[in-house]
């Protein structure tokens, strides 16, 4: 299973592809898309859409995991974040990847055991789980990798390509 995690933002969008094979997590690729600051919002959204579309088309993930919108004090920032999520969701849908959404607190709790963990704590756990204690991974990319790992933990186990139904 290959999962692409996306941590949306109009100035920096983290992305990370994680593979889960034979019971092991591994980092495939990750990074941060940074639209030029001089661009107006529509051009930034176009930049993000093209970057996400190219990644989905090239990597063909089995699923995309994206962060839900959290309520922020700044309404304008929340709206911009929502726009970024929209273009990322569209890119995933056009690429044929099923999309799963996770709240930031759930992702933090899944990885660190605490829903209010700091970004640095999430990154430390991501690097540990991916056996990259000495690697350099940007905080936004680490958040995206955390989203992918969270989905892998939440997804039902697979056997020979068939989904095993959960028991009640």
C-alpha atoms as a PDB file:
ATOM      1  CA  UNK A   1       0.000   0.000   0.000  1.00  0.00           C
ATOM      2  CA  UNK A   2       1.286   3.460  -0.951  1.00  0.00           C
ATOM      3  CA  UNK A   3      -0.318   6.495   0.702  1.00  0.00           C
ATOM      4  CA  UNK A   4       0.238  10.126  -0.225  1.00  0.00           C
ATOM      5  CA  UNK A   5      -0.209  12.511   2.693  1.00  0.00           C
ATOM      6  CA  UNK A   6      -1.010  16.171   2.050  1.00  0.00           C
ATOM      7  CA  UNK A   7      -0.716  18.993   4.598  1.00  0.00           C
ATOM      8  CA  UNK A   8      -2.415  21.930   2.828  1.00  0.00           C
ATOM      9  CA  UNK A   9      -1.414  25.570   2.923  1.00  0.00           C
ATOM     10  CA  UNK A  10      -1.289  28.405   0.406  1.00  0.00           C
ATOM     11  CA  UNK A  11       2.288  29.399   1.233  1.00  0.00           C
ATOM     12  CA  UNK A  12       3.624  25.902   2.016  1.00  0.00           C
ATOM     13  CA  UNK A  13       1.977  22.537   1.329  1.00  0.00           C
ATOM     14  CA  UNK A  14       3.724  19.502   2.722  1.00  0.00           C
ATOM     15  CA  UNK A  15       3.492  16.207   0.885  1.00  0.00           C
ATOM     16  CA  UNK A  16       4.859  12.754   1.583  1.00  0.00           C
ATOM     17  CA  UNK A  17       4.537   9.299   0.098  1.00  0.00           C
ATOM     18  CA  UNK A  18       4.803   6.327   2.461  1.00  0.00           C
ATOM     19  CA  UNK A  19       4.805   2.665   1.501  1.00  0.00           C
ATOM     20  CA  UNK A  20       3.615  -0.130   3.785  1.00  0.00           C
ATOM     21  CA  UNK A  21       4.850  -3.523   2.623  1.00  0.00           C
ATOM     22  CA  UNK A  22       5.398  -6.733   4.547  1.00  0.00           C
ATOM     23  CA  UNK A  23       4.548  -4.992   7.810  1.00  0.00           C
ATOM     24  CA  UNK A  24       7.131  -2.204   7.354  1.00  0.00           C
ATOM     25  CA  UNK A  25       6.754   1.503   6.738  1.00  0.00           C
ATOM     26  CA  UNK A  26       9.147   3.196   4.373  1.00  0.00           C
ATOM     27  CA  UNK A  27       9.564   6.711   3.051  1.00  0.00           C
ATOM     28  CA  UNK A  28       9.277   6.888  -0.718  1.00  0.00           C
ATOM     29  CA  UNK A  29       9.488  10.670  -1.275  1.00  0.00           C
ATOM     30  CA  UNK A  30       8.502  13.875   0.460  1.00  0.00           C
ATOM     31  CA  UNK A  31       8.810  17.611   0.181  1.00  0.00           C
ATOM     32  CA  UNK A  32       7.130  20.981   0.387  1.00  0.00           C
ATOM     33  CA  UNK A  33       5.473  22.870  -2.434  1.00  0.00           C
ATOM     34  CA  UNK A  34       6.013  26.624  -2.010  1.00  0.00           C
ATOM     35  CA  UNK A  35       4.211  28.820  -4.512  1.00  0.00           C
ATOM     36  CA  UNK A  36       6.107  32.081  -5.093  1.00  0.00           C
ATOM     37  CA  UNK A  37       4.980  34.664  -2.505  1.00  0.00           C
ATOM     38  CA  UNK A  38       4.471  37.308  -5.186  1.00  0.00           C
ATOM     39  CA  UNK A  39       1.615  35.311  -6.776  1.00  0.00           C
ATOM     40  CA  UNK A  40      -2.016  36.177  -6.125  1.00  0.00           C
ATOM     41  CA  UNK A  41      -4.215  33.491  -4.544  1.00  0.00           C
ATOM     42  CA  UNK A  42      -5.622  32.072  -7.837  1.00  0.00           C
ATOM     43  CA  UNK A  43      -2.103  31.584  -9.225  1.00  0.00           C
ATOM     44  CA  UNK A  44      -0.946  29.963  -5.969  1.00  0.00           C
ATOM     45  CA  UNK A  45      -3.874  27.560  -6.159  1.00  0.00           C
ATOM     46  CA  UNK A  46      -2.997  26.738  -9.770  1.00  0.00           C
ATOM     47  CA  UNK A  47       0.610  26.084  -8.683  1.00  0.00           C
ATOM     48  CA  UNK A  48      -0.601  23.683  -5.957  1.00  0.00           C
ATOM     49  CA  UNK A  49      -3.068  21.946  -8.260  1.00  0.00           C
ATOM     50  CA  UNK A  50      -0.420  21.295 -10.905  1.00  0.00           C
ATOM     51  CA  UNK A  51       2.146  20.089  -8.353  1.00  0.00           C
ATOM     52  CA  UNK A  52      -0.358  17.730  -6.715  1.00  0.00           C
ATOM     53  CA  UNK A  53      -1.648  16.459 -10.064  1.00  0.00           C
ATOM     54  CA  UNK A  54       1.871  15.702 -11.281  1.00  0.00           C
ATOM     55  CA  UNK A  55       2.688  13.848  -8.053  1.00  0.00           C
ATOM     56  CA  UNK A  56      -0.527  11.804  -8.056  1.00  0.00           C
ATOM     57  CA  UNK A  57      -0.052  10.937 -11.744  1.00  0.00           C
ATOM     58  CA  UNK A  58       3.619   9.994 -11.289  1.00  0.00           C
ATOM     59  CA  UNK A  59       3.335   8.069  -8.028  1.00  0.00           C
ATOM     60  CA  UNK A  60      -0.115   6.455  -8.399  1.00  0.00           C
ATOM     61  CA  UNK A  61      -0.826   6.204  -4.638  1.00  0.00           C
ATOM     62  CA  UNK A  62      -3.387   3.672  -3.404  1.00  0.00           C
ATOM     63  CA  UNK A  63      -4.880   6.424  -1.228  1.00  0.00           C
ATOM     64  CA  UNK A  64      -4.484  10.097  -0.391  1.00  0.00           C
ATOM     65  CA  UNK A  65      -4.686  11.291   3.192  1.00  0.00           C
ATOM     66  CA  UNK A  66      -5.374  14.992   3.788  1.00  0.00           C
ATOM     67  CA  UNK A  67      -5.812  17.133   6.852  1.00  0.00           C
ATOM     68  CA  UNK A  68      -9.270  18.512   7.619  1.00  0.00           C
ATOM     69  CA  UNK A  69      -9.758  22.211   8.233  1.00  0.00           C
ATOM     70  CA  UNK A  70      -9.418  23.266  11.841  1.00  0.00           C
ATOM     71  CA  UNK A  71     -11.163  26.316  13.203  1.00  0.00           C
ATOM     72  CA  UNK A  72      -8.681  29.140  13.418  1.00  0.00           C
ATOM     73  CA  UNK A  73      -8.995  32.592  14.946  1.00  0.00           C
ATOM     74  CA  UNK A  74      -8.222  34.231  11.606  1.00  0.00           C
ATOM     75  CA  UNK A  75     -11.155  33.638   9.271  1.00  0.00           C
ATOM     76  CA  UNK A  76      -9.219  34.835   6.207  1.00  0.00           C
ATOM     77  CA  UNK A  77      -6.467  32.264   6.861  1.00  0.00           C
ATOM     78  CA  UNK A  78      -9.059  29.516   7.314  1.00  0.00           C
ATOM     79  CA  UNK A  79     -10.679  30.404   3.985  1.00  0.00           C
ATOM     80  CA  UNK A  80      -7.323  30.338   2.172  1.00  0.00           C
ATOM     81  CA  UNK A  81      -6.573  26.945   3.731  1.00  0.00           C
ATOM     82  CA  UNK A  82      -9.961  25.704   2.544  1.00  0.00           C
ATOM     83  CA  UNK A  83      -9.164  26.834  -1.009  1.00  0.00           C
ATOM     84  CA  UNK A  84      -5.840  24.976  -0.908  1.00  0.00           C
ATOM     85  CA  UNK A  85      -7.585  21.818   0.347  1.00  0.00           C
ATOM     86  CA  UNK A  86     -10.082  22.117  -2.488  1.00  0.00           C
ATOM     87  CA  UNK A  87      -7.488  22.089  -5.252  1.00  0.00           C
ATOM     88  CA  UNK A  88      -5.601  19.230  -3.571  1.00  0.00           C
ATOM     89  CA  UNK A  89      -8.820  17.210  -3.278  1.00  0.00           C
ATOM     90  CA  UNK A  90      -9.540  17.884  -6.954  1.00  0.00           C
ATOM     91  CA  UNK A  91      -6.061  16.760  -8.008  1.00  0.00           C
ATOM     92  CA  UNK A  92      -6.433  13.518  -6.037  1.00  0.00           C
ATOM     93  CA  UNK A  93      -9.910  12.862  -7.431  1.00  0.00           C
ATOM     94  CA  UNK A  94      -8.811  13.497 -11.012  1.00  0.00           C
ATOM     95  CA  UNK A  95      -5.910  11.115 -10.470  1.00  0.00           C
ATOM     96  CA  UNK A  96      -8.324   8.404  -9.332  1.00  0.00           C
ATOM     97  CA  UNK A  97      -6.964   8.099  -5.796  1.00  0.00           C
ATOM     98  CA  UNK A  98      -9.461   7.613  -2.965  1.00  0.00           C
ATOM     99  CA  UNK A  99      -9.207  10.439  -0.438  1.00  0.00           C
ATOM    100  CA  UNK A 100      -9.377  10.102   3.348  1.00  0.00           C
ATOM    101  CA  UNK A 101      -9.551  13.066   5.695  1.00  0.00           C
ATOM    102  CA  UNK A 102      -8.155  13.254   9.226  1.00  0.00           C
ATOM    103  CA  UNK A 103      -8.380  15.941  11.901  1.00  0.00           C
ATOM    104  CA  UNK A 104      -5.026  17.363  13.050  1.00  0.00           C
ATOM    105  CA  UNK A 105      -5.606  16.272  16.673  1.00  0.00           C
ATOM    106  CA  UNK A 106      -6.346  12.690  15.558  1.00  0.00           C
ATOM    107  CA  UNK A 107      -3.138  12.536  13.493  1.00  0.00           C
ATOM    108  CA  UNK A 108      -1.077  13.831  16.418  1.00  0.00           C
ATOM    109  CA  UNK A 109      -2.712  11.350  18.782  1.00  0.00           C
ATOM    110  CA  UNK A 110      -2.175   8.473  16.330  1.00  0.00           C
ATOM    111  CA  UNK A 111       1.534   9.207  16.071  1.00  0.00           C
ATOM    112  CA  UNK A 112       2.509  10.540  19.484  1.00  0.00           C
ATOM    113  CA  UNK A 113      -0.315   9.428  21.760  1.00  0.00           C
ATOM    114  CA  UNK A 114      -1.195  13.071  22.499  1.00  0.00           C
ATOM    115  CA  UNK A 115      -3.581  15.167  20.395  1.00  0.00           C
ATOM    116  CA  UNK A 116      -1.886  18.448  21.315  1.00  0.00           C
ATOM    117  CA  UNK A 117       1.661  17.396  20.397  1.00  0.00           C
ATOM    118  CA  UNK A 118       4.002  20.010  18.945  1.00  0.00           C
ATOM    119  CA  UNK A 119       5.107  19.848  15.291  1.00  0.00           C
ATOM    120  CA  UNK A 120       8.626  18.916  16.391  1.00  0.00           C
ATOM    121  CA  UNK A 121       7.280  15.946  18.359  1.00  0.00           C
ATOM    122  CA  UNK A 122       5.304  14.738  15.352  1.00  0.00           C
ATOM    123  CA  UNK A 123       8.394  15.050  13.144  1.00  0.00           C
ATOM    124  CA  UNK A 124      10.517  13.107  15.649  1.00  0.00           C
ATOM    125  CA  UNK A 125       8.002  10.255  15.694  1.00  0.00           C
ATOM    126  CA  UNK A 126       7.676  10.244  11.887  1.00  0.00           C
ATOM    127  CA  UNK A 127      11.459  10.036  11.513  1.00  0.00           C
ATOM    128  CA  UNK A 128      11.596   7.253  14.084  1.00  0.00           C
ATOM    129  CA  UNK A 129       8.831   5.227  12.424  1.00  0.00           C
ATOM    130  CA  UNK A 130      10.480   5.647   9.031  1.00  0.00           C
ATOM    131  CA  UNK A 131      13.931   4.794  10.455  1.00  0.00           C
ATOM    132  CA  UNK A 132      15.316   8.205   9.482  1.00  0.00           C
ATOM    133  CA  UNK A 133      16.439   9.640  12.789  1.00  0.00           C
ATOM    134  CA  UNK A 134      19.222  11.583  11.070  1.00  0.00           C
ATOM    135  CA  UNK A 135      17.355  12.719   8.000  1.00  0.00           C
ATOM    136  CA  UNK A 136      16.297  16.275   7.302  1.00  0.00           C
ATOM    137  CA  UNK A 137      12.570  16.554   6.767  1.00  0.00           C
ATOM    138  CA  UNK A 138      10.769  19.911   6.802  1.00  0.00           C
ATOM    139  CA  UNK A 139       8.001  20.287   9.393  1.00  0.00           C
ATOM    140  CA  UNK A 140       5.312  20.584   6.684  1.00  0.00           C
ATOM    141  CA  UNK A 141       6.592  17.424   4.956  1.00  0.00           C
ATOM    142  CA  UNK A 142       6.687  15.614   8.316  1.00  0.00           C
ATOM    143  CA  UNK A 143       3.048  16.568   8.902  1.00  0.00           C
ATOM    144  CA  UNK A 144       2.166  15.128   5.484  1.00  0.00           C
ATOM    145  CA  UNK A 145       4.061  11.915   6.264  1.00  0.00           C
ATOM    146  CA  UNK A 146       2.180  11.750   9.584  1.00  0.00           C
ATOM    147  CA  UNK A 147      -1.103  11.934   7.666  1.00  0.00           C
ATOM    148  CA  UNK A 148      -0.023   9.048   5.429  1.00  0.00           C
ATOM    149  CA  UNK A 149       1.076   6.953   8.414  1.00  0.00           C
ATOM    150  CA  UNK A 150      -2.172   7.732  10.234  1.00  0.00           C
ATOM    151  CA  UNK A 151      -4.150   6.412   7.261  1.00  0.00           C
ATOM    152  CA  UNK A 152      -2.050   3.270   7.067  1.00  0.00           C
ATOM    153  CA  UNK A 153      -2.809   2.590  10.734  1.00  0.00           C
ATOM    154  CA  UNK A 154      -6.521   3.335  10.205  1.00  0.00           C
ATOM    155  CA  UNK A 155      -6.945   1.339   6.986  1.00  0.00           C
ATOM    156  CA  UNK A 156      -8.226  -2.217   7.208  1.00  0.00           C
ATOM    157  CA  UNK A 157      -5.576  -4.907   6.676  1.00  0.00           C
ATOM    158  CA  UNK A 158      -5.267  -6.412   3.208  1.00  0.00           C
ATOM    159  CA  UNK A 159      -4.622  -9.994   2.263  1.00  0.00           C
ATOM    160  CA  UNK A 160      -3.982 -10.955  -1.352  1.00  0.00           C
ATOM    161  CA  UNK A 161      -5.489  -7.691  -2.531  1.00  0.00           C
ATOM    162  CA  UNK A 162      -8.789  -8.297  -0.746  1.00  0.00           C
ATOM    163  CA  UNK A 163      -9.925  -6.152   2.108  1.00  0.00           C
ATOM    164  CA  UNK A 164     -10.553  -8.133   5.289  1.00  0.00           C
ATOM    165  CA  UNK A 165     -13.829  -6.901   6.841  1.00  0.00           C
ATOM    166  CA  UNK A 166     -13.603  -5.554  10.383  1.00  0.00           C
ATOM    167  CA  UNK A 167     -15.329  -7.625  13.040  1.00  0.00           C
ATOM    168  CA  UNK A 168     -17.960  -6.096  15.259  1.00  0.00           C
END
